[in-house]
Amino acid sequence: VTGTMVAGLSAAIFSVPFLFCVPVAFPFVGAAAYLTFKRVKKAG
């Protein structure tokens, strides 16, 4: 949702179609996926 909102906001600011700004959302989705799927083993 954060990535989609940033992409939509950047599309509105630069007045371009939303699909051109979708790559802006990739870092947010990637960070969320990393924080969700990466497992840490600490103190058992």
All heavy atoms as atom14 arrays in JSON, in Angstrom:
{
  "sequence": "VTGTMVAGLSAAIFSVPFLFCVPVAFPFVGAAAYLTFKRVKKAG",
  "atom14_mask": [
    [1, 1, 1, 1, 1, 1, 1, 0, 0, 0, 0, 0, 0, 0],
    [1, 1, 1, 1, 1, 1, 1, 0, 0, 0, 0, 0, 0, 0],
    [1, 1, 1, 1, 0, 0, 0, 0, 0, 0, 0, 0, 0, 0],
    [1, 1, 1, 1, 1, 1, 1, 0, 0, 0, 0, 0, 0, 0],
    [1, 1, 1, 1, 1, 1, 1, 1, 0, 0, 0, 0, 0, 0],
    [1, 1, 1, 1, 1, 1, 1, 0, 0, 0, 0, 0, 0, 0],
    [1, 1, 1, 1, 1, 0, 0, 0, 0, 0, 0, 0, 0, 0],
    [1, 1, 1, 1, 0, 0, 0, 0, 0, 0, 0, 0, 0, 0],
    [1, 1, 1, 1, 1, 1, 1, 1, 0, 0, 0, 0, 0, 0],
    [1, 1, 1, 1, 1, 1, 0, 0, 0, 0, 0, 0, 0, 0],
    [1, 1, 1, 1, 1, 0, 0, 0, 0, 0, 0, 0, 0, 0],
    [1, 1, 1, 1, 1, 0, 0, 0, 0, 0, 0, 0, 0, 0],
    [1, 1, 1, 1, 1, 1, 1, 1, 0, 0, 0, 0, 0, 0],
    [1, 1, 1, 1, 1, 1, 1, 1, 1, 1, 1, 0, 0, 0],
    [1, 1, 1, 1, 1, 1, 0, 0, 0, 0, 0, 0, 0, 0],
    [1, 1, 1, 1, 1, 1, 1, 0, 0, 0, 0, 0, 0, 0],
    [1, 1, 1, 1, 1, 1, 1, 0, 0, 0, 0, 0, 0, 0],
    [1, 1, 1, 1, 1, 1, 1, 1, 1, 1, 1, 0, 0, 0],
    [1, 1, 1, 1, 1, 1, 1, 1, 0, 0, 0, 0, 0, 0],
    [1, 1, 1, 1, 1, 1, 1, 1, 1, 1, 1, 0, 0, 0],
    [1, 1, 1, 1, 1, 1, 0, 0, 0, 0, 0, 0, 0, 0],
    [1, 1, 1, 1, 1, 1, 1, 0, 0, 0, 0, 0, 0, 0],
    [1, 1, 1, 1, 1, 1, 1, 0, 0, 0, 0, 0, 0, 0],
    [1, 1, 1, 1, 1, 1, 1, 0, 0, 0, 0, 0, 0, 0],
    [1, 1, 1, 1, 1, 0, 0, 0, 0, 0, 0, 0, 0, 0],
    [1, 1, 1, 1, 1, 1, 1, 1, 1, 1, 1, 0, 0, 0],
    [1, 1, 1, 1, 1, 1, 1, 0, 0, 0, 0, 0, 0, 0],
    [1, 1, 1, 1, 1, 1, 1, 1, 1, 1, 1, 0, 0, 0],
    [1, 1, 1, 1, 1, 1, 1, 0, 0, 0, 0, 0, 0, 0],
    [1, 1, 1, 1, 0, 0, 0, 0, 0, 0, 0, 0, 0, 0],
    [1, 1, 1, 1, 1, 0, 0, 0, 0, 0, 0, 0, 0, 0],
    [1, 1, 1, 1, 1, 0, 0, 0, 0, 0, 0, 0, 0, 0],
    [1, 1, 1, 1, 1, 0, 0, 0, 0, 0, 0, 0, 0, 0],
    [1, 1, 1, 1, 1, 1, 1, 1, 1, 1, 1, 1, 0, 0],
    [1, 1, 1, 1, 1, 1, 1, 1, 0, 0, 0, 0, 0, 0],
    [1, 1, 1, 1, 1, 1, 1, 0, 0, 0, 0, 0, 0, 0],
    [1, 1, 1, 1, 1, 1, 1, 1, 1, 1, 1, 0, 0, 0],
    [1, 1, 1, 1, 1, 1, 1, 1, 1, 0, 0, 0, 0, 0],
    [1, 1, 1, 1, 1, 1, 1, 1, 1, 1, 1, 0, 0, 0],
    [1, 1, 1, 1, 1, 1, 1, 0, 0, 0, 0, 0, 0, 0],
    [1, 1, 1, 1, 1, 1, 1, 1, 1, 0, 0, 0, 0, 0],
    [1, 1, 1, 1, 1, 1, 1, 1, 1, 0, 0, 0, 0, 0],
    [1, 1, 1, 1, 1, 0, 0, 0, 0, 0, 0, 0, 0, 0],
    [1, 1, 1, 1, 0, 0, 0, 0, 0, 0, 0, 0, 0, 0]
  ],
  "atom14_positions": [
    [[0.83, -1.21, 0.0], [0.0, 0.0, 0.0], [0.87, 1.25, 0.0], [0.58, 2.22, -0.72], [-0.97, -0.02, 1.2], [-1.62, 1.32, 1.42], [-2.02, -1.09, 1.01], [0.0, 0.0, 0.0], [0.0, 0.0, 0.0], [0.0, 0.0, 0.0], [0.0, 0.0, 0.0], [0.0, 0.0, 0.0], [0.0, 0.0, 0.0], [0.0, 0.0, 0.0]],
    [[1.94, 1.24, 0.79], [2.84, 2.39, 0.82], [3.48, 2.62, -0.55], [3.56, 3.76, -1.03], [3.93, 2.19, 1.88], [3.31, 1.95, 3.14], [4.83, 3.41, 1.97], [0.0, 0.0, 0.0], [0.0, 0.0, 0.0], [0.0, 0.0, 0.0], [0.0, 0.0, 0.0], [0.0, 0.0, 0.0], [0.0, 0.0, 0.0], [0.0, 0.0, 0.0]],
    [[3.93, 1.55, -1.18], [4.51, 1.68, -2.51], [3.52, 2.19, -3.53], [3.85, 3.03, -4.38], [0.0, 0.0, 0.0], [0.0, 0.0, 0.0], [0.0, 0.0, 0.0], [0.0, 0.0, 0.0], [0.0, 0.0, 0.0], [0.0, 0.0, 0.0], [0.0, 0.0, 0.0], [0.0, 0.0, 0.0], [0.0, 0.0, 0.0], [0.0, 0.0, 0.0]],
    [[2.29, 1.7, -3.46], [1.26, 2.16, -4.39], [0.92, 3.63, -4.17], [0.73, 4.38, -5.13], [-0.01, 1.3, -4.23], [0.34, -0.07, -4.41], [-1.07, 1.69, -5.23], [0.0, 0.0, 0.0], [0.0, 0.0, 0.0], [0.0, 0.0, 0.0], [0.0, 0.0, 0.0], [0.0, 0.0, 0.0], [0.0, 0.0, 0.0], [0.0, 0.0, 0.0]],
    [[0.88, 4.04, -2.91], [0.59, 5.44, -2.62], [1.71, 6.35, -3.11], [1.45, 7.43, -3.67], [0.36, 5.63, -1.11], [-0.95, 5.07, -0.63], [-1.19, 5.14, 1.15], [-0.81, 6.8, 1.53], [0.0, 0.0, 0.0], [0.0, 0.0, 0.0], [0.0, 0.0, 0.0], [0.0, 0.0, 0.0], [0.0, 0.0, 0.0], [0.0, 0.0, 0.0]],
    [[2.96, 5.94, -2.91], [4.08, 6.75, -3.38], [4.09, 6.82, -4.91], [4.34, 7.88, -5.49], [5.41, 6.19, -2.83], [6.6, 6.83, -3.51], [5.48, 6.38, -1.34], [0.0, 0.0, 0.0], [0.0, 0.0, 0.0], [0.0, 0.0, 0.0], [0.0, 0.0, 0.0], [0.0, 0.0, 0.0], [0.0, 0.0, 0.0], [0.0, 0.0, 0.0]],
    [[3.79, 5.7, -5.56], [3.74, 5.7, -7.02], [2.59, 6.59, -7.52], [2.75, 7.34, -8.49], [3.56, 4.28, -7.54], [0.0, 0.0, 0.0], [0.0, 0.0, 0.0], [0.0, 0.0, 0.0], [0.0, 0.0, 0.0], [0.0, 0.0, 0.0], [0.0, 0.0, 0.0], [0.0, 0.0, 0.0], [0.0, 0.0, 0.0], [0.0, 0.0, 0.0]],
    [[1.45, 6.52, -6.88], [0.33, 7.37, -7.27], [0.61, 8.84, -7.04], [0.24, 9.7, -7.85], [0.0, 0.0, 0.0], [0.0, 0.0, 0.0], [0.0, 0.0, 0.0], [0.0, 0.0, 0.0], [0.0, 0.0, 0.0], [0.0, 0.0, 0.0], [0.0, 0.0, 0.0], [0.0, 0.0, 0.0], [0.0, 0.0, 0.0], [0.0, 0.0, 0.0]],
    [[1.27, 9.13, -5.92], [1.61, 10.52, -5.63], [2.62, 11.07, -6.62], [2.5, 12.21, -7.09], [2.15, 10.63, -4.2], [2.43, 12.02, -3.67], [1.13, 12.81, -3.6], [3.07, 11.93, -2.31], [0.0, 0.0, 0.0], [0.0, 0.0, 0.0], [0.0, 0.0, 0.0], [0.0, 0.0, 0.0], [0.0, 0.0, 0.0], [0.0, 0.0, 0.0]],
    [[3.6, 10.26, -6.96], [4.58, 10.72, -7.94], [3.96, 10.86, -9.33], [4.33, 11.75, -10.1], [5.79, 9.77, -7.99], [5.39, 8.49, -8.4], [0.0, 0.0, 0.0], [0.0, 0.0, 0.0], [0.0, 0.0, 0.0], [0.0, 0.0, 0.0], [0.0, 0.0, 0.0], [0.0, 0.0, 0.0], [0.0, 0.0, 0.0], [0.0, 0.0, 0.0]],
    [[3.0, 9.99, -9.65], [2.3, 10.14, -10.93], [1.47, 11.42, -10.96], [1.4, 12.08, -12.0], [1.41, 8.93, -11.17], [0.0, 0.0, 0.0], [0.0, 0.0, 0.0], [0.0, 0.0, 0.0], [0.0, 0.0, 0.0], [0.0, 0.0, 0.0], [0.0, 0.0, 0.0], [0.0, 0.0, 0.0], [0.0, 0.0, 0.0], [0.0, 0.0, 0.0]],
    [[0.87, 11.76, -9.83], [0.08, 12.99, -9.79], [0.97, 14.23, -9.84], [0.62, 15.23, -10.48], [-0.76, 13.01, -8.52], [0.0, 0.0, 0.0], [0.0, 0.0, 0.0], [0.0, 0.0, 0.0], [0.0, 0.0, 0.0], [0.0, 0.0, 0.0], [0.0, 0.0, 0.0], [0.0, 0.0, 0.0], [0.0, 0.0, 0.0], [0.0, 0.0, 0.0]],
    [[2.12, 14.16, -9.18], [3.02, 15.32, -9.17], [3.6, 15.57, -10.56], [3.65, 16.7, -11.04], [4.14, 15.12, -8.13], [3.56, 15.24, -6.72], [5.26, 16.13, -8.32], [4.53, 14.89, -5.63], [0.0, 0.0, 0.0], [0.0, 0.0, 0.0], [0.0, 0.0, 0.0], [0.0, 0.0, 0.0], [0.0, 0.0, 0.0], [0.0, 0.0, 0.0]],
    [[4.05, 14.5, -11.21], [4.67, 14.65, -12.52], [3.68, 14.6, -13.67], [4.07, 14.73, -14.82], [5.75, 13.58, -12.72], [6.88, 13.7, -11.74], [7.22, 12.64, -10.93], [7.59, 14.88, -11.63], [8.26, 12.74, -10.03], [8.64, 14.99, -10.74], [8.97, 13.92, -9.93], [0.0, 0.0, 0.0], [0.0, 0.0, 0.0], [0.0, 0.0, 0.0]],
    [[2.41, 14.41, -13.36], [1.3, 14.34, -14.33], [1.6, 13.38, -15.48], [1.55, 13.75, -16.65], [0.93, 15.73, -14.84], [1.98, 16.29, -15.57], [0.0, 0.0, 0.0], [0.0, 0.0, 0.0], [0.0, 0.0, 0.0], [0.0, 0.0, 0.0], [0.0, 0.0, 0.0], [0.0, 0.0, 0.0], [0.0, 0.0, 0.0], [0.0, 0.0, 0.0]],
    [[1.95, 12.16, -15.1], [2.18, 11.08, -16.06], [1.24, 9.94, -15.69], [0.71, 9.9, -14.58], [3.65, 10.6, -16.05], [4.57, 11.7, -16.53], [4.06, 10.12, -14.68], [0.0, 0.0, 0.0], [0.0, 0.0, 0.0], [0.0, 0.0, 0.0], [0.0, 0.0, 0.0], [0.0, 0.0, 0.0], [0.0, 0.0, 0.0], [0.0, 0.0, 0.0]],
    [[1.01, 8.99, -16.58], [0.16, 7.85, -16.23], [0.76, 7.03, -15.08], [1.98, 6.98, -14.88], [0.12, 7.02, -17.52], [0.41, 7.99, -18.6], [1.35, 8.99, -18.01], [0.0, 0.0, 0.0], [0.0, 0.0, 0.0], [0.0, 0.0, 0.0], [0.0, 0.0, 0.0], [0.0, 0.0, 0.0], [0.0, 0.0, 0.0], [0.0, 0.0, 0.0]],
    [[-0.11, 6.4, -14.34], [0.3, 5.65, -13.15], [1.27, 4.52, -13.48], [2.19, 4.25, -12.72], [-0.95, 5.09, -12.45], [-0.64, 4.25, -11.25], [-0.24, 4.84, -10.06], [-0.73, 2.87, -11.31], [0.05, 4.07, -8.95], [-0.43, 2.1, -10.2], [-0.04, 2.7, -9.02], [0.0, 0.0, 0.0], [0.0, 0.0, 0.0], [0.0, 0.0, 0.0]],
    [[1.06, 3.87, -14.62], [1.91, 2.73, -14.98], [3.37, 3.12, -15.17], [4.26, 2.29, -15.0], [1.38, 2.05, -16.24], [0.09, 1.27, -16.06], [-0.36, 0.7, -17.39], [0.28, 0.16, -15.06], [0.0, 0.0, 0.0], [0.0, 0.0, 0.0], [0.0, 0.0, 0.0], [0.0, 0.0, 0.0], [0.0, 0.0, 0.0], [0.0, 0.0, 0.0]],
    [[3.64, 4.38, -15.53], [5.02, 4.81, -15.67], [5.72, 4.96, -14.32], [6.94, 4.96, -14.25], [5.1, 6.13, -16.43], [4.71, 6.02, -17.87], [4.05, 7.05, -18.5], [5.02, 4.9, -18.6], [3.69, 6.97, -19.82], [4.67, 4.79, -19.93], [4.0, 5.83, -20.55], [0.0, 0.0, 0.0], [0.0, 0.0, 0.0], [0.0, 0.0, 0.0]],
    [[4.94, 5.12, -13.25], [5.51, 5.32, -11.92], [5.46, 4.06, -11.06], [5.85, 4.11, -9.89], [4.78, 6.45, -11.21], [5.06, 8.04, -11.99], [0.0, 0.0, 0.0], [0.0, 0.0, 0.0], [0.0, 0.0, 0.0], [0.0, 0.0, 0.0], [0.0, 0.0, 0.0], [0.0, 0.0, 0.0], [0.0, 0.0, 0.0], [0.0, 0.0, 0.0]],
    [[5.01, 2.96, -11.59], [4.96, 1.72, -10.81], [6.35, 1.27, -10.34], [6.47, 0.78, -9.21], [4.23, 0.62, -11.61], [4.4, -0.74, -10.97], [2.75, 0.95, -11.71], [0.0, 0.0, 0.0], [0.0, 0.0, 0.0], [0.0, 0.0, 0.0], [0.0, 0.0, 0.0], [0.0, 0.0, 0.0], [0.0, 0.0, 0.0], [0.0, 0.0, 0.0]],
    [[7.42, 1.43, -11.12], [8.74, 1.03, -10.6], [9.16, 1.76, -9.33], [10.03, 1.29, -8.61], [9.7, 1.34, -11.75], [8.85, 1.23, -12.96], [7.51, 1.75, -12.55], [0.0, 0.0, 0.0], [0.0, 0.0, 0.0], [0.0, 0.0, 0.0], [0.0, 0.0, 0.0], [0.0, 0.0, 0.0], [0.0, 0.0, 0.0], [0.0, 0.0, 0.0]],
    [[8.55, 2.9, -9.04], [8.86, 3.61, -7.8], [8.4, 2.78, -6.6], [8.99, 2.88, -5.52], [8.18, 5.0, -7.81], [8.35, 5.72, -6.49], [8.72, 5.84, -8.94], [0.0, 0.0, 0.0], [0.0, 0.0, 0.0], [0.0, 0.0, 0.0], [0.0, 0.0, 0.0], [0.0, 0.0, 0.0], [0.0, 0.0, 0.0], [0.0, 0.0, 0.0]],
    [[7.39, 1.95, -6.77], [6.85, 1.15, -5.67], [7.69, -0.09, -5.37], [7.55, -0.67, -4.29], [5.41, 0.73, -6.0], [0.0, 0.0, 0.0], [0.0, 0.0, 0.0], [0.0, 0.0, 0.0], [0.0, 0.0, 0.0], [0.0, 0.0, 0.0], [0.0, 0.0, 0.0], [0.0, 0.0, 0.0], [0.0, 0.0, 0.0], [0.0, 0.0, 0.0]],
    [[8.54, -0.51, -6.29], [9.31, -1.74, -6.1], [10.19, -1.75, -4.85], [10.24, -2.76, -4.16], [10.13, -2.06, -7.34], [9.31, -2.49, -8.53], [9.81, -2.35, -9.8], [8.04, -3.01, -8.37], [9.07, -2.74, -10.9], [7.28, -3.4, -9.46], [7.8, -3.26, -10.73], [0.0, 0.0, 0.0], [0.0, 0.0, 0.0], [0.0, 0.0, 0.0]],
    [[10.89, -0.67, -4.51], [11.7, -0.72, -3.28], [10.87, -0.91, -2.01], [11.3, -1.61, -1.09], [12.42, 0.63, -3.26], [12.43, 1.09, -4.65], [11.18, 0.55, -5.27], [0.0, 0.0, 0.0], [0.0, 0.0, 0.0], [0.0, 0.0, 0.0], [0.0, 0.0, 0.0], [0.0, 0.0, 0.0], [0.0, 0.0, 0.0], [0.0, 0.0, 0.0]],
    [[9.69, -0.32, -1.96], [8.84, -0.47, -0.79], [8.31, -1.9, -0.66], [8.31, -2.47, 0.43], [7.66, 0.52, -0.85], [8.1, 1.95, -0.77], [8.25, 2.7, -1.92], [8.36, 2.53, 0.44], [8.65, 4.01, -1.87], [8.75, 3.85, 0.53], [8.91, 4.59, -0.63], [0.0, 0.0, 0.0], [0.0, 0.0, 0.0], [0.0, 0.0, 0.0]],
    [[7.89, -2.46, -1.77], [7.4, -3.84, -1.76], [8.55, -4.8, -1.48], [8.4, -5.76, -0.71], [6.72, -4.18, -3.11], [6.3, -5.62, -3.15], [5.52, -3.26, -3.34], [0.0, 0.0, 0.0], [0.0, 0.0, 0.0], [0.0, 0.0, 0.0], [0.0, 0.0, 0.0], [0.0, 0.0, 0.0], [0.0, 0.0, 0.0], [0.0, 0.0, 0.0]],
    [[9.72, -4.53, -2.04], [10.88, -5.38, -1.78], [11.32, -5.34, -0.32], [11.66, -6.37, 0.26], [0.0, 0.0, 0.0], [0.0, 0.0, 0.0], [0.0, 0.0, 0.0], [0.0, 0.0, 0.0], [0.0, 0.0, 0.0], [0.0, 0.0, 0.0], [0.0, 0.0, 0.0], [0.0, 0.0, 0.0], [0.0, 0.0, 0.0], [0.0, 0.0, 0.0]],
    [[11.32, -4.15, 0.27], [11.7, -4.03, 1.68], [10.69, -4.75, 2.57], [11.07, -5.43, 3.53], [11.8, -2.56, 2.07], [0.0, 0.0, 0.0], [0.0, 0.0, 0.0], [0.0, 0.0, 0.0], [0.0, 0.0, 0.0], [0.0, 0.0, 0.0], [0.0, 0.0, 0.0], [0.0, 0.0, 0.0], [0.0, 0.0, 0.0], [0.0, 0.0, 0.0]],
    [[9.41, -4.62, 2.26], [8.39, -5.31, 3.05], [8.51, -6.82, 2.91], [8.37, -7.56, 3.89], [7.0, -4.85, 2.63], [0.0, 0.0, 0.0], [0.0, 0.0, 0.0], [0.0, 0.0, 0.0], [0.0, 0.0, 0.0], [0.0, 0.0, 0.0], [0.0, 0.0, 0.0], [0.0, 0.0, 0.0], [0.0, 0.0, 0.0], [0.0, 0.0, 0.0]],
    [[8.79, -7.28, 1.7], [8.94, -8.72, 1.49], [10.18, -9.24, 2.21], [10.16, -10.31, 2.81], [9.04, -9.02, -0.01], [0.0, 0.0, 0.0], [0.0, 0.0, 0.0], [0.0, 0.0, 0.0], [0.0, 0.0, 0.0], [0.0, 0.0, 0.0], [0.0, 0.0, 0.0], [0.0, 0.0, 0.0], [0.0, 0.0, 0.0], [0.0, 0.0, 0.0]],
    [[11.27, -8.49, 2.17], [12.48, -8.91, 2.88], [12.24, -8.98, 4.38], [12.63, -9.96, 5.04], [13.63, -7.96, 2.58], [14.91, -8.34, 3.27], [15.7, -9.37, 2.77], [15.33, -7.7, 4.43], [16.87, -9.74, 3.4], [16.5, -8.06, 5.07], [17.26, -9.08, 4.55], [18.41, -9.44, 5.19], [0.0, 0.0, 0.0], [0.0, 0.0, 0.0]],
    [[11.61, -7.95, 4.94], [11.35, -7.95, 6.38], [10.36, -9.03, 6.79], [10.36, -9.48, 7.92], [10.83, -6.58, 6.82], [11.84, -5.44, 6.78], [11.17, -4.12, 7.11], [13.0, -5.7, 7.71], [0.0, 0.0, 0.0], [0.0, 0.0, 0.0], [0.0, 0.0, 0.0], [0.0, 0.0, 0.0], [0.0, 0.0, 0.0], [0.0, 0.0, 0.0]],
    [[9.51, -9.46, 5.86], [8.53, -10.49, 6.17], [9.09, -11.89, 6.01], [8.89, -12.75, 6.87], [7.3, -10.33, 5.26], [6.75, -9.03, 5.45], [6.25, -11.36, 5.58], [0.0, 0.0, 0.0], [0.0, 0.0, 0.0], [0.0, 0.0, 0.0], [0.0, 0.0, 0.0], [0.0, 0.0, 0.0], [0.0, 0.0, 0.0], [0.0, 0.0, 0.0]],
    [[9.82, -12.15, 4.94], [10.23, -13.52, 4.62], [11.6, -13.91, 5.17], [11.88, -15.09, 5.33], [10.21, -13.75, 3.11], [8.83, -13.66, 2.52], [8.58, -12.84, 1.44], [7.79, -14.39, 3.06], [7.31, -12.75, 0.91], [6.52, -14.31, 2.53], [6.27, -13.49, 1.45], [0.0, 0.0, 0.0], [0.0, 0.0, 0.0], [0.0, 0.0, 0.0]],
    [[12.47, -12.95, 5.45], [13.79, -13.26, 5.98], [13.65, -13.67, 7.45], [13.08, -12.95, 8.25], [14.7, -12.04, 5.86], [16.04, -12.19, 6.5], [16.89, -13.2, 5.79], [18.27, -13.24, 6.45], [18.98, -14.43, 6.15], [0.0, 0.0, 0.0], [0.0, 0.0, 0.0], [0.0, 0.0, 0.0], [0.0, 0.0, 0.0], [0.0, 0.0, 0.0]],
    [[14.15, -14.83, 7.78], [14.08, -15.34, 9.16], [15.41, -15.09, 9.87], [16.47, -15.26, 9.3], [13.79, -16.84, 9.17], [12.49, -17.19, 8.5], [11.34, -16.78, 9.33], [10.09, -17.14, 8.68], [8.94, -16.69, 9.06], [8.84, -15.87, 10.07], [7.84, -17.05, 8.43], [0.0, 0.0, 0.0], [0.0, 0.0, 0.0], [0.0, 0.0, 0.0]],
    [[15.31, -14.7, 11.13], [16.48, -14.45, 11.96], [16.43, -15.41, 13.15], [15.4, -15.53, 13.8], [16.5, -13.0, 12.47], [17.65, -12.76, 13.42], [16.56, -12.03, 11.31], [0.0, 0.0, 0.0], [0.0, 0.0, 0.0], [0.0, 0.0, 0.0], [0.0, 0.0, 0.0], [0.0, 0.0, 0.0], [0.0, 0.0, 0.0], [0.0, 0.0, 0.0]],
    [[17.54, -16.1, 13.38], [17.62, -16.99, 14.53], [18.48, -16.31, 15.58], [19.69, -16.16, 15.41], [18.21, -18.33, 14.14], [18.22, -19.33, 15.28], [18.71, -20.68, 14.83], [18.63, -21.63, 16.02], [19.13, -22.96, 15.65], [0.0, 0.0, 0.0], [0.0, 0.0, 0.0], [0.0, 0.0, 0.0], [0.0, 0.0, 0.0], [0.0, 0.0, 0.0]],
    [[17.85, -15.87, 16.65], [18.56, -15.15, 17.7], [18.14, -15.72, 19.05], [16.96, -15.78, 19.35], [18.21, -13.66, 17.62], [19.1, -12.78, 18.42], [20.47, -12.7, 17.81], [21.27, -11.64, 18.5], [22.61, -11.59, 18.0], [0.0, 0.0, 0.0], [0.0, 0.0, 0.0], [0.0, 0.0, 0.0], [0.0, 0.0, 0.0], [0.0, 0.0, 0.0]],
    [[19.1, -16.16, 19.82], [18.88, -16.7, 21.17], [17.91, -17.89, 21.13], [17.06, -18.03, 22.0], [18.37, -15.61, 22.1], [0.0, 0.0, 0.0], [0.0, 0.0, 0.0], [0.0, 0.0, 0.0], [0.0, 0.0, 0.0], [0.0, 0.0, 0.0], [0.0, 0.0, 0.0], [0.0, 0.0, 0.0], [0.0, 0.0, 0.0], [0.0, 0.0, 0.0]],
    [[18.01, -18.73, 20.12], [17.18, -19.92, 20.04], [15.79, -19.7, 19.5], [15.02, -20.65, 19.4], [0.0, 0.0, 0.0], [0.0, 0.0, 0.0], [0.0, 0.0, 0.0], [0.0, 0.0, 0.0], [0.0, 0.0, 0.0], [0.0, 0.0, 0.0], [0.0, 0.0, 0.0], [0.0, 0.0, 0.0], [0.0, 0.0, 0.0], [0.0, 0.0, 0.0]]
  ]
}
